[in-house]
PDB file of all heavy atoms in Angstrom:
ATOM      1  N   GLY A   1     -14.303  11.061  19.722  1.00  0.00           N
ATOM      2  CA  GLY A   1     -13.705  10.865  21.029  1.00  0.00           C
ATOM      3  C   GLY A   1     -13.060  12.082  21.631  1.00  0.00           C
ATOM      4  O   GLY A   1     -12.651  12.074  22.791  1.00  0.00           O
ATOM      5  N   LEU A   2     -12.940  13.184  20.903  1.00  0.00           N
ATOM      6  CA  LEU A   2     -12.233  14.343  21.407  1.00  0.00           C
ATOM      7  C   LEU A   2     -12.990  14.924  22.613  1.00  0.00           C
ATOM      8  O   LEU A   2     -14.182  15.188  22.526  1.00  0.00           O
ATOM      9  CB  LEU A   2     -12.074  15.400  20.326  1.00  0.00           C
ATOM     10  CG  LEU A   2     -11.173  14.976  19.143  1.00  0.00           C
ATOM     11  CD1 LEU A   2     -11.140  16.076  18.096  1.00  0.00           C
ATOM     12  CD2 LEU A   2      -9.770  14.654  19.620  1.00  0.00           C
ATOM     13  N   GLY A   3     -12.286  15.099  23.694  1.00  0.00           N
ATOM     14  CA  GLY A   3     -12.896  15.650  24.892  1.00  0.00           C
ATOM     15  C   GLY A   3     -13.739  14.671  25.656  1.00  0.00           C
ATOM     16  O   GLY A   3     -14.405  15.031  26.616  1.00  0.00           O
ATOM     17  N   GLN A   4     -13.772  13.430  25.222  1.00  0.00           N
ATOM     18  CA  GLN A   4     -14.641  12.456  25.850  1.00  0.00           C
ATOM     19  C   GLN A   4     -13.878  11.326  26.539  1.00  0.00           C
ATOM     20  O   GLN A   4     -14.408  10.258  26.748  1.00  0.00           O
ATOM     21  CB  GLN A   4     -15.582  11.864  24.801  1.00  0.00           C
ATOM     22  CG  GLN A   4     -16.458  12.930  24.174  1.00  0.00           C
ATOM     23  CD  GLN A   4     -17.270  12.364  23.008  1.00  0.00           C
ATOM     24  OE1 GLN A   4     -17.189  11.215  22.685  1.00  0.00           O
ATOM     25  NE2 GLN A   4     -18.054  13.230  22.384  1.00  0.00           N
ATOM     26  N   TYR A   5     -12.646  11.581  26.883  1.00  0.00           N
ATOM     27  CA  TYR A   5     -11.837  10.537  27.495  1.00  0.00           C
ATOM     28  C   TYR A   5     -10.947  11.123  28.567  1.00  0.00           C
ATOM     29  O   TYR A   5     -10.552  12.276  28.491  1.00  0.00           O
ATOM     30  CB  TYR A   5     -11.020   9.751  26.467  1.00  0.00           C
ATOM     31  CG  TYR A   5     -10.048  10.606  25.694  1.00  0.00           C
ATOM     32  CD1 TYR A   5      -8.730  10.739  26.131  1.00  0.00           C
ATOM     33  CD2 TYR A   5     -10.434  11.285  24.557  1.00  0.00           C
ATOM     34  CE1 TYR A   5      -7.824  11.550  25.427  1.00  0.00           C
ATOM     35  CE2 TYR A   5      -9.557  12.089  23.878  1.00  0.00           C
ATOM     36  CZ  TYR A   5      -8.246  12.200  24.310  1.00  0.00           C
ATOM     37  OH  TYR A   5      -7.383  13.004  23.631  1.00  0.00           O
ATOM     38  N   GLU A   6     -10.668  10.304  29.570  1.00  0.00           N
ATOM     39  CA  GLU A   6      -9.654  10.646  30.550  1.00  0.00           C
ATOM     40  C   GLU A   6      -8.406   9.904  30.143  1.00  0.00           C
ATOM     41  O   GLU A   6      -8.468   8.776  29.673  1.00  0.00           O
ATOM     42  CB  GLU A   6     -10.103  10.204  31.930  1.00  0.00           C
ATOM     43  CG  GLU A   6     -11.355  10.902  32.421  1.00  0.00           C
ATOM     44  CD  GLU A   6     -11.828  10.374  33.754  1.00  0.00           C
ATOM     45  OE1 GLU A   6     -11.120   9.527  34.330  1.00  0.00           O
ATOM     46  OE2 GLU A   6     -12.881  10.808  34.193  1.00  0.00           O
ATOM     47  N   THR A   7      -7.264  10.550  30.325  1.00  0.00           N
ATOM     48  CA  THR A   7      -6.053   9.918  29.798  1.00  0.00           C
ATOM     49  C   THR A   7      -4.862  10.176  30.680  1.00  0.00           C
ATOM     50  O   THR A   7      -4.755  11.210  31.323  1.00  0.00           O
ATOM     51  CB  THR A   7      -5.775  10.414  28.386  1.00  0.00           C
ATOM     52  OG1 THR A   7      -4.589   9.764  27.898  1.00  0.00           O
ATOM     53  CG2 THR A   7      -5.554  11.917  28.331  1.00  0.00           C
ATOM     54  N   GLU A   8      -3.996   9.180  30.764  1.00  0.00           N
ATOM     55  CA  GLU A   8      -2.680   9.355  31.348  1.00  0.00           C
ATOM     56  C   GLU A   8      -1.676   9.621  30.226  1.00  0.00           C
ATOM     57  O   GLU A   8      -0.532   9.878  30.454  1.00  0.00           O
ATOM     58  CB  GLU A   8      -2.266   8.101  32.104  1.00  0.00           C
ATOM     59  CG  GLU A   8      -3.183   7.763  33.266  1.00  0.00           C
ATOM     60  CD  GLU A   8      -2.813   6.414  33.874  1.00  0.00           C
ATOM     61  OE1 GLU A   8      -1.740   5.889  33.555  1.00  0.00           O
ATOM     62  OE2 GLU A   8      -3.632   5.897  34.651  1.00  0.00           O
ATOM     63  N   VAL A   9      -2.151   9.548  28.995  1.00  0.00           N
ATOM     64  CA  VAL A   9      -1.317   9.742  27.821  1.00  0.00           C
ATOM     65  C   VAL A   9      -1.709  11.056  27.193  1.00  0.00           C
ATOM     66  O   VAL A   9      -2.894  11.278  26.920  1.00  0.00           O
ATOM     67  CB  VAL A   9      -1.491   8.580  26.776  1.00  0.00           C
ATOM     68  CG1 VAL A   9      -0.648   8.835  25.550  1.00  0.00           C
ATOM     69  CG2 VAL A   9      -1.165   7.246  27.404  1.00  0.00           C
ATOM     70  N   ASP A  10      -0.764  11.962  27.005  1.00  0.00           N
ATOM     71  CA  ASP A  10      -1.047  13.242  26.321  1.00  0.00           C
ATOM     72  C   ASP A  10      -1.117  12.904  24.844  1.00  0.00           C
ATOM     73  O   ASP A  10      -0.109  12.809  24.159  1.00  0.00           O
ATOM     74  CB  ASP A  10       0.072  14.243  26.629  1.00  0.00           C
ATOM     75  CG  ASP A  10      -0.184  15.587  25.999  1.00  0.00           C
ATOM     76  OD1 ASP A  10      -1.306  15.830  25.519  1.00  0.00           O
ATOM     77  OD2 ASP A  10       0.750  16.412  25.956  1.00  0.00           O
ATOM     78  N   ALA A  11      -2.354  12.720  24.345  1.00  0.00           N
ATOM     79  CA  ALA A  11      -2.489  12.171  23.002  1.00  0.00           C
ATOM     80  C   ALA A  11      -3.670  12.769  22.266  1.00  0.00           C
ATOM     81  O   ALA A  11      -4.638  13.248  22.856  1.00  0.00           O
ATOM     82  CB  ALA A  11      -2.698  10.660  23.105  1.00  0.00           C
ATOM     83  N   ASP A  12      -3.555  12.766  20.940  1.00  0.00           N
ATOM     84  CA  ASP A  12      -4.688  13.035  20.062  1.00  0.00           C
ATOM     85  C   ASP A  12      -5.335  11.670  19.787  1.00  0.00           C
ATOM     86  O   ASP A  12      -4.628  10.711  19.425  1.00  0.00           O
ATOM     87  CB  ASP A  12      -4.234  13.661  18.752  1.00  0.00           C
ATOM     88  CG  ASP A  12      -3.612  15.021  18.933  1.00  0.00           C
ATOM     89  OD1 ASP A  12      -4.166  15.812  19.737  1.00  0.00           O
ATOM     90  OD2 ASP A  12      -2.597  15.309  18.275  1.00  0.00           O
ATOM     91  N   VAL A  13      -6.666  11.573  19.977  1.00  0.00           N
ATOM     92  CA  VAL A  13      -7.368  10.323  19.802  1.00  0.00           C
ATOM     93  C   VAL A  13      -8.506  10.532  18.795  1.00  0.00           C
ATOM     94  O   VAL A  13      -9.315  11.424  18.941  1.00  0.00           O
ATOM     95  CB  VAL A  13      -7.929   9.837  21.151  1.00  0.00           C
ATOM     96  CG1 VAL A  13      -8.693   8.519  20.980  1.00  0.00           C
ATOM     97  CG2 VAL A  13      -6.821   9.647  22.170  1.00  0.00           C
ATOM     98  N   ASN A  14      -8.548   9.639  17.793  1.00  0.00           N
ATOM     99  CA  ASN A  14      -9.609   9.704  16.785  1.00  0.00           C
ATOM    100  C   ASN A  14     -10.140   8.304  16.493  1.00  0.00           C
ATOM    101  O   ASN A  14      -9.351   7.381  16.317  1.00  0.00           O
ATOM    102  CB  ASN A  14      -9.109  10.324  15.488  1.00  0.00           C
ATOM    103  CG  ASN A  14      -8.746  11.784  15.657  1.00  0.00           C
ATOM    104  OD1 ASN A  14      -9.614  12.600  15.785  1.00  0.00           O
ATOM    105  ND2 ASN A  14      -7.445  12.087  15.673  1.00  0.00           N
ATOM    106  N   ILE A  15     -11.439   8.205  16.458  1.00  0.00           N
ATOM    107  CA  ILE A  15     -12.066   6.934  16.004  1.00  0.00           C
ATOM    108  C   ILE A  15     -12.200   7.009  14.508  1.00  0.00           C
ATOM    109  O   ILE A  15     -12.872   7.888  13.963  1.00  0.00           O
ATOM    110  CB  ILE A  15     -13.420   6.701  16.696  1.00  0.00           C
ATOM    111  CG1 ILE A  15     -13.236   6.482  18.195  1.00  0.00           C
ATOM    112  CG2 ILE A  15     -14.125   5.473  16.049  1.00  0.00           C
ATOM    113  CD1 ILE A  15     -14.506   6.246  18.970  1.00  0.00           C
ATOM    114  N   VAL A  16     -11.543   6.085  13.829  1.00  0.00           N
ATOM    115  CA  VAL A  16     -11.528   6.078  12.374  1.00  0.00           C
ATOM    116  C   VAL A  16     -12.792   5.421  11.830  1.00  0.00           C
ATOM    117  O   VAL A  16     -13.373   5.854  10.846  1.00  0.00           O
ATOM    118  CB  VAL A  16     -10.292   5.346  11.846  1.00  0.00           C
ATOM    119  CG1 VAL A  16     -10.300   5.283  10.336  1.00  0.00           C
ATOM    120  CG2 VAL A  16      -9.024   6.052  12.324  1.00  0.00           C
ATOM    121  N   ASP A  17     -13.229   4.323  12.471  1.00  0.00           N
ATOM    122  CA  ASP A  17     -14.375   3.558  11.965  1.00  0.00           C
ATOM    123  C   ASP A  17     -14.955   2.728  13.088  1.00  0.00           C
ATOM    124  O   ASP A  17     -14.264   2.391  14.043  1.00  0.00           O
ATOM    125  CB  ASP A  17     -13.935   2.666  10.806  1.00  0.00           C
ATOM    126  CG  ASP A  17     -15.075   2.309   9.876  1.00  0.00           C
ATOM    127  OD1 ASP A  17     -16.243   2.687  10.150  1.00  0.00           O
ATOM    128  OD2 ASP A  17     -14.830   1.694   8.840  1.00  0.00           O
ATOM    129  N   VAL A  18     -16.240   2.379  12.957  1.00  0.00           N
ATOM    130  CA  VAL A  18     -16.907   1.426  13.830  1.00  0.00           C
ATOM    131  C   VAL A  18     -17.580   0.431  12.910  1.00  0.00           C
ATOM    132  O   VAL A  18     -18.354   0.797  12.021  1.00  0.00           O
ATOM    133  CB  VAL A  18     -17.960   2.098  14.732  1.00  0.00           C
ATOM    134  CG1 VAL A  18     -18.670   1.080  15.601  1.00  0.00           C
ATOM    135  CG2 VAL A  18     -17.328   3.170  15.587  1.00  0.00           C
ATOM    136  N   MET A  19     -17.268  -0.844  13.091  1.00  0.00           N
ATOM    137  CA  MET A  19     -17.743  -1.886  12.184  1.00  0.00           C
ATOM    138  C   MET A  19     -17.833  -3.227  12.890  1.00  0.00           C
ATOM    139  O   MET A  19     -17.447  -3.333  14.059  1.00  0.00           O
ATOM    140  CB  MET A  19     -16.786  -2.002  11.002  1.00  0.00           C
ATOM    141  CG  MET A  19     -15.393  -2.508  11.413  1.00  0.00           C
ATOM    142  SD  MET A  19     -14.195  -2.470  10.088  1.00  0.00           S
ATOM    143  CE  MET A  19     -13.562  -0.825  10.298  1.00  0.00           C
ATOM    144  N   ARG A  20     -18.323  -4.221  12.198  1.00  0.00           N
ATOM    145  CA  ARG A  20     -18.239  -5.593  12.709  1.00  0.00           C
ATOM    146  C   ARG A  20     -16.810  -6.072  12.569  1.00  0.00           C
ATOM    147  O   ARG A  20     -16.115  -5.724  11.649  1.00  0.00           O
ATOM    148  CB  ARG A  20     -19.170  -6.515  11.935  1.00  0.00           C
ATOM    149  CG  ARG A  20     -20.601  -6.411  12.308  1.00  0.00           C
ATOM    150  CD  ARG A  20     -21.401  -7.538  11.733  1.00  0.00           C
ATOM    151  NE  ARG A  20     -22.763  -7.434  12.168  1.00  0.00           N
ATOM    152  CZ  ARG A  20     -23.706  -8.320  11.858  1.00  0.00           C
ATOM    153  NH1 ARG A  20     -23.400  -9.350  11.104  1.00  0.00           N
ATOM    154  NH2 ARG A  20     -24.922  -8.175  12.285  1.00  0.00           N
ATOM    155  N   SER A  21     -16.405  -6.902  13.520  1.00  0.00           N
ATOM    156  CA  SER A  21     -15.036  -7.445  13.504  1.00  0.00           C
ATOM    157  C   SER A  21     -14.866  -8.357  12.294  1.00  0.00           C
ATOM    158  O   SER A  21     -15.783  -9.107  11.927  1.00  0.00           O
ATOM    159  CB  SER A  21     -14.792  -8.224  14.786  1.00  0.00           C
ATOM    160  OG  SER A  21     -13.610  -8.997  14.666  1.00  0.00           O
ATOM    161  N   ASP A  22     -13.695  -8.292  11.698  1.00  0.00           N
ATOM    162  CA  ASP A  22     -13.389  -9.198  10.580  1.00  0.00           C
ATOM    163  C   ASP A  22     -13.226 -10.656  11.058  1.00  0.00           C
ATOM    164  O   ASP A  22     -13.546 -11.584  10.353  1.00  0.00           O
ATOM    165  CB  ASP A  22     -12.068  -8.793   9.919  1.00  0.00           C
ATOM    166  CG  ASP A  22     -12.189  -7.456   9.201  1.00  0.00           C
ATOM    167  OD1 ASP A  22     -13.320  -7.090   8.821  1.00  0.00           O
ATOM    168  OD2 ASP A  22     -11.159  -6.785   9.011  1.00  0.00           O
ATOM    169  N   SER A  23     -12.751 -10.815  12.296  1.00  0.00           N
ATOM    170  CA  SER A  23     -12.459 -12.153  12.804  1.00  0.00           C
ATOM    171  C   SER A  23     -13.686 -12.853  13.395  1.00  0.00           C
ATOM    172  O   SER A  23     -13.743 -14.059  13.410  1.00  0.00           O
ATOM    173  CB  SER A  23     -11.357 -12.104  13.843  1.00  0.00           C
ATOM    174  OG  SER A  23     -11.761 -11.271  14.925  1.00  0.00           O
ATOM    175  N   ASP A  24     -14.692 -12.096  13.885  1.00  0.00           N
ATOM    176  CA  ASP A  24     -15.845 -12.709  14.523  1.00  0.00           C
ATOM    177  C   ASP A  24     -17.050 -11.753  14.377  1.00  0.00           C
ATOM    178  O   ASP A  24     -17.047 -10.679  15.002  1.00  0.00           O
ATOM    179  CB  ASP A  24     -15.580 -12.986  15.986  1.00  0.00           C
ATOM    180  CG  ASP A  24     -16.697 -13.779  16.645  1.00  0.00           C
ATOM    181  OD1 ASP A  24     -17.835 -13.779  16.155  1.00  0.00           O
ATOM    182  OD2 ASP A  24     -16.408 -14.450  17.651  1.00  0.00           O
ATOM    183  N   PRO A  25     -18.076 -12.116  13.599  1.00  0.00           N
ATOM    184  CA  PRO A  25     -19.196 -11.198  13.350  1.00  0.00           C
ATOM    185  C   PRO A  25     -20.042 -10.892  14.604  1.00  0.00           C
ATOM    186  O   PRO A  25     -20.851  -9.995  14.598  1.00  0.00           O
ATOM    187  CB  PRO A  25     -20.036 -11.904  12.293  1.00  0.00           C
ATOM    188  CG  PRO A  25     -19.602 -13.302  12.349  1.00  0.00           C
ATOM    189  CD  PRO A  25     -18.177 -13.353  12.822  1.00  0.00           C
ATOM    190  N   ALA A  26     -19.809 -11.632  15.710  1.00  0.00           N
ATOM    191  CA  ALA A  26     -20.536 -11.363  16.957  1.00  0.00           C
ATOM    192  C   ALA A  26     -19.899 -10.210  17.697  1.00  0.00           C
ATOM    193  O   ALA A  26     -20.433  -9.750  18.707  1.00  0.00           O
ATOM    194  CB  ALA A  26     -20.544 -12.616  17.825  1.00  0.00           C
TER     195      ALA A  26
END
């Protein structure tokens, strides 16, 4: 996500993981 977002928050943003939701597999 670095450099790929517009923000009003001065923040470091990292995607840790992409997976199916634990609560709903859809």
